[in-house]
Amino acid sequence: MKSLKNSLSKELRSLNVRAPHWQKGFFDHVLRSSESYSQKWEYVRENPVRARLAKSWEEWPFSGEVFRLEYRE
């Protein structure tokens, strides 16, 4: 992930896109189980509710389309 971010930042700088390119304090999280996936998805889905942009996640019009990921060990 670090290499990908470095490559993308280099390309963005070459296009005169000013930094920062990445959110400070953000970290990548490896999903290790179907339970972990469910927990992370629930957290993301509730973001607009925590930000008081919607009363429930179902009301948020910008959720987009979600594709279920298959967890394999």
Protein backbone atom coordinates (compact mmCIF):
# COMPACT_ATOMS: atom_id res chain seq x y z
CA MET A 1 0.00 0.00 0.00
CA LYS A 2 2.88 2.33 0.82
CA SER A 3 4.35 1.85 -2.67
CA LEU A 4 0.99 2.51 -4.30
CA LYS A 5 0.51 5.72 -2.30
CA ASN A 6 4.06 6.86 -3.10
CA SER A 7 3.56 6.21 -6.82
CA LEU A 8 0.24 8.00 -6.90
CA SER A 9 1.62 10.98 -4.97
CA LYS A 10 4.54 11.25 -7.41
CA GLU A 11 2.15 11.25 -10.35
CA LEU A 12 -0.12 13.82 -8.69
CA ARG A 13 2.88 16.10 -8.04
CA SER A 14 3.87 15.80 -11.72
CA LEU A 15 0.36 17.02 -12.56
CA ASN A 16 0.81 19.96 -10.16
CA VAL A 17 -1.74 18.62 -7.68
CA ARG A 18 -0.70 20.05 -4.35
CA ALA A 19 -0.30 17.92 -1.24
CA PRO A 20 -1.65 16.59 0.98
CA HIS A 21 -2.80 13.68 -1.15
CA TRP A 22 -3.70 11.41 1.75
CA GLN A 23 -5.75 11.90 4.89
CA LYS A 24 -3.62 12.36 8.01
CA GLY A 25 -4.14 9.71 10.64
CA PHE A 26 -5.57 7.26 8.12
CA PHE A 27 -4.35 3.70 8.27
CA ASP A 28 -5.01 0.67 6.12
CA HIS A 29 -6.70 -2.27 7.76
CA VAL A 30 -6.46 -5.83 6.53
CA LEU A 31 -9.74 -7.69 6.74
CA ARG A 32 -8.99 -11.07 8.22
CA SER A 33 -12.43 -12.60 8.59
CA SER A 34 -16.01 -12.26 7.45
CA GLU A 35 -16.83 -10.89 10.91
CA SER A 36 -14.18 -8.19 10.52
CA TYR A 37 -15.61 -7.29 7.09
CA SER A 38 -19.10 -6.97 8.55
CA GLN A 39 -17.85 -4.78 11.40
CA LYS A 40 -15.95 -2.46 9.06
CA TRP A 41 -18.85 -2.17 6.65
CA GLU A 42 -21.22 -1.34 9.53
CA TYR A 43 -18.83 1.37 10.71
CA VAL A 44 -18.55 2.96 7.25
CA ARG A 45 -22.29 2.72 6.64
CA GLU A 46 -22.99 4.60 9.89
CA ASN A 47 -20.60 7.50 9.12
CA PRO A 48 -23.36 9.88 7.92
CA VAL A 49 -25.39 9.11 11.05
CA ARG A 50 -22.45 9.87 13.35
CA ALA A 51 -21.86 13.11 11.42
CA ARG A 52 -25.57 13.96 11.86
CA LEU A 53 -26.10 14.15 8.12
CA ALA A 54 -28.89 11.57 8.28
CA LYS A 55 -31.03 10.02 10.99
CA SER A 56 -30.35 6.52 9.66
CA TRP A 57 -27.98 5.10 7.08
CA GLU A 58 -30.94 4.22 4.86
CA GLU A 59 -31.73 7.95 4.50
CA TRP A 60 -28.25 8.82 3.20
CA PRO A 61 -28.58 9.26 -0.60
CA PHE A 62 -24.86 8.92 -1.37
CA SER A 63 -24.22 5.40 -0.14
CA GLY A 64 -23.51 4.13 -3.61
CA GLU A 65 -23.66 0.52 -4.63
CA VAL A 66 -22.12 -2.10 -2.40
CA PHE A 67 -20.72 -5.34 -3.72
CA ARG A 68 -20.47 -8.18 -1.24
CA LEU A 69 -16.95 -9.52 -0.88
CA GLU A 70 -16.39 -13.21 -0.47
CA TYR A 71 -14.08 -14.07 2.41
CA ARG A 72 -11.71 -16.96 1.73
CA GLU A 73 -9.20 -18.45 4.15
